[in-house]
Amino acid sequence: ELRKSLSEKNVPAKVYVGMRYWHPFTEEAIEQIKRDGITKLVVLPLYPQFSISTSGSSLRLLESIFREDEYLVNMQHTVIPSWYQREGYIKAMGNLIEKELKSFDSPEKVMIFFSAHGVPVAYVEEAGDPYKAEMEECVDLIMEELEKRKISNAYTLAYQSRVGPVEWLKPYTDETIIELGKKGVKSLLAVPISFVSEHIETLEEIDVEYKELALESGIEKWGRVPALGCEPTFI
């Protein structure tokens, strides 16, 4: 969709996908780029907000590949580190949330629940990771967009997917769901805010585990905003 959209704007660019932990791996994408004789590259992480553990990890890998390859060393390239504040992204998120709210009987009573991928606290406090600040600003921008549309629901932000013994960013999604249930929240709309495509953390963690937890905690109506995918405004 991105390739088609660029082509309609008279930018006949090729689009390559490189993944960190599965095919097509970054290395495979780079090989294809070289075979196609590409001379200019725009590097676009598919994470809206920057974290050293996500976009940073992918960019470090690219940097090491570039350093060791004489074809790539002189290639003109530019990196888009994060883009959560772009108008098209904010509007696209607004569209998806607005549409999903309408599926509830009383849309104005629904709590909008932004669930972001967590990172260890040390990344933010010791390594200077901008992730938490970008995430909070991102949620503010989306809520401002909804307010322009006369939608002023209560909302909250929490962090999912923590692993291991170290402290991760709080509040945690699972604990927050339980607390909201105790406070008498009856309708919850989950918004996956770190991801642009559906995968295990939306389909399993949110749709199965968190939904189950919500219903056990006294929340009666549960909804979930789909990942952006190919939403036209987003593309």
Protein backbone atom coordinates (compact mmCIF):
# COMPACT_ATOMS: atom_id res chain seq x y z
CA GLU A 1 0.00 0.00 0.00
CA LEU A 2 2.85 2.38 0.80
CA ARG A 3 4.49 1.67 -2.54
CA LYS A 4 1.21 2.31 -4.42
CA SER A 5 0.59 5.51 -2.48
CA LEU A 6 4.09 6.84 -3.25
CA SER A 7 3.71 5.91 -6.90
CA GLU A 8 0.46 7.95 -7.09
CA LYS A 9 2.51 10.92 -5.86
CA ASN A 10 5.02 10.35 -8.68
CA VAL A 11 7.59 8.83 -6.32
CA PRO A 12 8.26 5.46 -7.95
CA ALA A 13 10.15 4.11 -4.92
CA LYS A 14 10.68 0.46 -4.14
CA VAL A 15 9.70 -0.67 -0.64
CA TYR A 16 11.58 -3.36 1.28
CA VAL A 17 10.74 -5.04 4.58
CA GLY A 18 13.54 -6.09 6.91
CA MET A 19 12.75 -7.77 10.22
CA ARG A 20 14.90 -8.26 13.25
CA TYR A 21 13.99 -11.84 14.26
CA TRP A 22 12.29 -13.50 11.29
CA HIS A 23 12.25 -13.62 7.50
CA PRO A 24 12.74 -11.40 5.64
CA PHE A 25 15.67 -10.60 7.95
CA THR A 26 17.31 -7.16 7.70
CA GLU A 27 20.31 -8.83 6.03
CA GLU A 28 18.07 -10.40 3.36
CA ALA A 29 16.38 -7.07 2.64
CA ILE A 30 19.80 -5.42 2.29
CA GLU A 31 20.92 -8.11 -0.20
CA GLN A 32 17.81 -7.42 -2.31
CA ILE A 33 18.43 -3.65 -2.13
CA LYS A 34 21.95 -4.22 -3.45
CA ARG A 35 20.74 -6.56 -6.22
CA ASP A 36 18.24 -3.89 -7.30
CA GLY A 37 21.02 -1.30 -7.53
CA ILE A 38 19.36 1.12 -5.12
CA THR A 39 21.44 4.26 -4.49
CA LYS A 40 19.29 6.19 -2.00
CA LEU A 41 17.52 4.80 1.03
CA VAL A 42 14.96 6.07 3.55
CA VAL A 43 15.01 3.97 6.72
CA LEU A 44 11.57 3.86 8.36
CA PRO A 45 11.18 1.94 11.63
CA LEU A 46 7.62 0.64 12.01
CA TYR A 47 7.56 1.70 15.64
CA PRO A 48 5.80 5.09 15.98
CA GLN A 49 7.74 5.99 19.16
CA PHE A 50 11.51 5.57 19.50
CA SER A 51 13.04 3.21 22.04
CA ILE A 52 16.62 2.00 22.22
CA SER A 53 15.21 -1.54 22.53
CA THR A 54 13.08 -1.43 19.36
CA SER A 55 13.93 1.12 16.63
CA GLY A 56 17.34 1.55 18.28
CA SER A 57 18.12 -2.16 18.04
CA SER A 58 17.13 -2.28 14.35
CA LEU A 59 19.10 0.87 13.55
CA ARG A 60 22.22 -0.40 15.35
CA LEU A 61 22.10 -3.58 13.28
CA LEU A 62 21.75 -1.58 10.06
CA GLU A 63 24.63 0.66 11.08
CA SER A 64 26.94 -2.33 11.60
CA ILE A 65 25.93 -3.81 8.20
CA PHE A 66 26.54 -0.44 6.51
CA ARG A 67 29.96 -0.04 8.12
CA GLU A 68 31.23 -3.37 6.84
CA ASP A 69 29.93 -3.19 3.27
CA GLU A 70 31.66 -1.04 0.68
CA TYR A 71 28.52 -0.85 -1.49
CA LEU A 72 26.54 0.59 1.42
CA VAL A 73 29.20 2.70 3.06
CA ASN A 74 28.68 5.59 0.63
CA MET A 75 24.96 5.10 0.06
CA GLN A 76 22.93 8.23 0.61
CA HIS A 77 20.44 7.41 3.34
CA THR A 78 18.20 9.12 5.82
CA VAL A 79 16.55 7.77 8.98
CA ILE A 80 13.12 8.67 10.36
CA PRO A 81 13.69 7.95 14.08
CA SER A 82 10.06 8.34 15.22
CA TRP A 83 6.86 9.72 13.77
CA TYR A 84 4.18 9.49 16.49
CA GLN A 85 3.56 13.25 16.27
CA ARG A 86 2.74 13.23 12.52
CA GLU A 87 -0.73 14.49 11.70
CA GLY A 88 -1.64 11.50 9.50
CA TYR A 89 -0.77 9.03 12.24
CA ILE A 90 -2.72 10.93 14.91
CA LYS A 91 -5.76 11.25 12.62
CA ALA A 92 -5.60 7.55 11.70
CA MET A 93 -5.54 6.56 15.38
CA GLY A 94 -8.46 8.94 15.99
CA ASN A 95 -10.43 7.31 13.14
CA LEU A 96 -9.91 3.80 14.50
CA ILE A 97 -10.79 4.74 18.10
CA GLU A 98 -13.87 6.73 17.05
CA LYS A 99 -15.15 3.84 14.94
CA GLU A 100 -14.62 1.28 17.73
CA LEU A 101 -16.33 3.46 20.38
CA LYS A 102 -19.50 3.39 18.27
CA SER A 103 -19.78 -0.37 18.75
CA PHE A 104 -20.55 0.15 22.48
CA ASP A 105 -24.12 0.81 23.71
CA SER A 106 -23.00 3.92 25.67
CA PRO A 107 -19.84 5.17 23.88
CA GLU A 108 -19.38 8.14 26.25
CA LYS A 109 -19.02 5.80 29.28
CA VAL A 110 -16.17 3.78 27.80
CA MET A 111 -12.68 4.09 29.31
CA ILE A 112 -10.02 4.33 26.55
CA PHE A 113 -7.16 2.10 27.61
CA PHE A 114 -3.85 2.72 25.83
CA SER A 115 -1.61 -0.31 26.24
CA ALA A 116 2.02 0.28 25.23
CA HIS A 117 4.87 -2.17 25.02
CA GLY A 118 6.93 -1.84 28.20
CA VAL A 119 10.67 -1.25 28.54
CA PRO A 120 12.90 -1.59 31.61
CA VAL A 121 12.92 1.55 33.80
CA ALA A 122 16.73 1.65 33.62
CA TYR A 123 16.55 2.38 29.86
CA VAL A 124 14.65 5.58 30.59
CA GLU A 125 16.36 6.67 33.81
CA GLU A 126 19.94 5.62 33.11
CA ALA A 127 20.28 5.36 29.32
CA GLY A 128 18.10 8.37 28.49
CA ASP A 129 15.60 6.45 26.37
CA PRO A 130 12.95 8.98 25.16
CA TYR A 131 10.31 6.24 24.90
CA LYS A 132 8.19 7.08 27.97
CA ALA A 133 8.10 10.81 27.15
CA GLU A 134 7.24 10.12 23.49
CA MET A 135 4.53 7.66 24.51
CA GLU A 136 2.89 10.14 26.92
CA GLU A 137 3.02 12.92 24.33
CA CYS A 138 1.58 10.54 21.72
CA VAL A 139 -1.43 9.71 23.94
CA ASP A 140 -1.99 13.45 24.62
CA LEU A 141 -1.97 14.20 20.89
CA ILE A 142 -4.49 11.42 20.16
CA MET A 143 -6.79 12.61 22.96
CA GLU A 144 -6.56 16.20 21.63
CA GLU A 145 -7.57 14.90 18.21
CA LEU A 146 -10.57 13.08 19.76
CA GLU A 147 -11.58 16.21 21.68
CA LYS A 148 -11.74 18.10 18.36
CA ARG A 149 -14.31 15.46 17.39
CA LYS A 150 -16.30 16.10 20.63
CA ILE A 151 -15.08 12.83 22.18
CA SER A 152 -13.93 13.39 25.75
CA ASN A 153 -13.84 9.92 27.30
CA ALA A 154 -11.75 9.07 30.34
CA TYR A 155 -8.46 7.42 29.33
CA THR A 156 -5.38 5.82 30.80
CA LEU A 157 -1.96 4.56 29.66
CA ALA A 158 -0.27 1.38 30.91
CA TYR A 159 2.61 -0.86 29.80
CA GLN A 160 2.41 -4.54 28.81
CA SER A 161 4.79 -7.44 28.05
CA ARG A 162 7.25 -7.18 30.93
CA VAL A 163 9.67 -10.09 31.37
CA GLY A 164 12.40 -11.00 33.85
CA PRO A 165 13.20 -9.70 37.33
CA VAL A 166 14.08 -6.04 36.57
CA GLU A 167 11.62 -3.19 37.08
CA TRP A 168 9.71 -2.14 33.95
CA LEU A 169 7.78 1.03 33.21
CA LYS A 170 4.64 1.36 35.29
CA PRO A 171 1.68 1.22 35.54
CA TYR A 172 1.50 -2.38 34.31
CA THR A 173 -1.41 -3.24 32.01
CA ASP A 174 -2.56 -6.30 33.99
CA GLU A 175 -2.52 -4.51 37.37
CA THR A 176 -4.30 -1.47 35.88
CA ILE A 177 -7.11 -3.62 34.44
CA ILE A 178 -7.73 -5.16 37.88
CA GLU A 179 -7.74 -1.70 39.54
CA LEU A 180 -10.18 -0.27 36.97
CA GLY A 181 -12.50 -3.21 37.62
CA LYS A 182 -12.35 -2.49 41.38
CA LYS A 183 -13.15 1.18 40.73
CA GLY A 184 -16.32 0.14 38.93
CA VAL A 185 -15.31 0.73 35.30
CA LYS A 186 -17.69 -1.39 33.20
CA SER A 187 -16.61 -0.68 29.60
CA LEU A 188 -13.04 -0.72 28.36
CA LEU A 189 -11.61 -0.09 24.90
CA ALA A 190 -8.04 -1.35 24.53
CA VAL A 191 -5.77 0.57 22.14
CA PRO A 192 -2.46 -1.06 21.15
CA ILE A 193 -0.31 2.03 20.87
CA SER A 194 3.18 0.65 20.13
CA PHE A 195 2.29 -1.52 17.15
CA VAL A 196 1.20 -0.87 13.58
CA SER A 197 0.40 -4.50 12.73
CA GLU A 198 -1.38 -7.39 14.42
CA HIS A 199 0.83 -9.97 16.07
CA ILE A 200 1.17 -12.05 19.21
CA GLU A 201 1.08 -9.06 21.56
CA THR A 202 -2.26 -7.85 20.18
CA LEU A 203 -3.86 -11.17 19.18
CA GLU A 204 -2.82 -13.23 22.20
CA GLU A 205 -1.76 -10.89 24.98
CA ILE A 206 -4.50 -8.26 24.55
CA ASP A 207 -7.33 -10.17 22.84
CA VAL A 208 -7.09 -13.31 24.96
CA GLU A 209 -5.18 -12.76 28.23
CA TYR A 210 -6.13 -9.16 29.03
CA LYS A 211 -9.73 -9.60 27.86
CA GLU A 212 -10.10 -12.61 30.17
CA LEU A 213 -8.54 -10.66 33.05
CA ALA A 214 -10.88 -7.71 32.41
CA LEU A 215 -14.01 -9.87 32.45
CA GLU A 216 -12.84 -11.60 35.65
CA SER A 217 -12.19 -8.17 37.21
CA GLY A 218 -15.77 -6.96 36.76
CA ILE A 219 -15.46 -5.19 33.41
CA GLU A 220 -18.55 -6.17 31.41
CA LYS A 221 -17.95 -4.71 27.95
CA TRP A 222 -14.57 -5.08 26.25
CA GLY A 223 -13.44 -3.79 22.89
CA ARG A 224 -10.16 -3.44 21.08
CA VAL A 225 -9.00 -0.99 18.42
CA PRO A 226 -7.32 -2.83 15.53
CA ALA A 227 -3.68 -2.13 14.72
CA LEU A 228 -3.23 0.52 12.01
CA GLY A 229 -2.33 -1.97 9.30
CA CYS A 230 -3.32 -0.41 5.96
CA GLU A 231 -5.68 2.28 7.32
CA PRO A 232 -5.63 4.76 4.39
CA THR A 233 -4.89 7.92 6.44
CA PHE A 234 -1.97 6.10 8.08
CA ILE A 235 -0.53 4.96 4.76
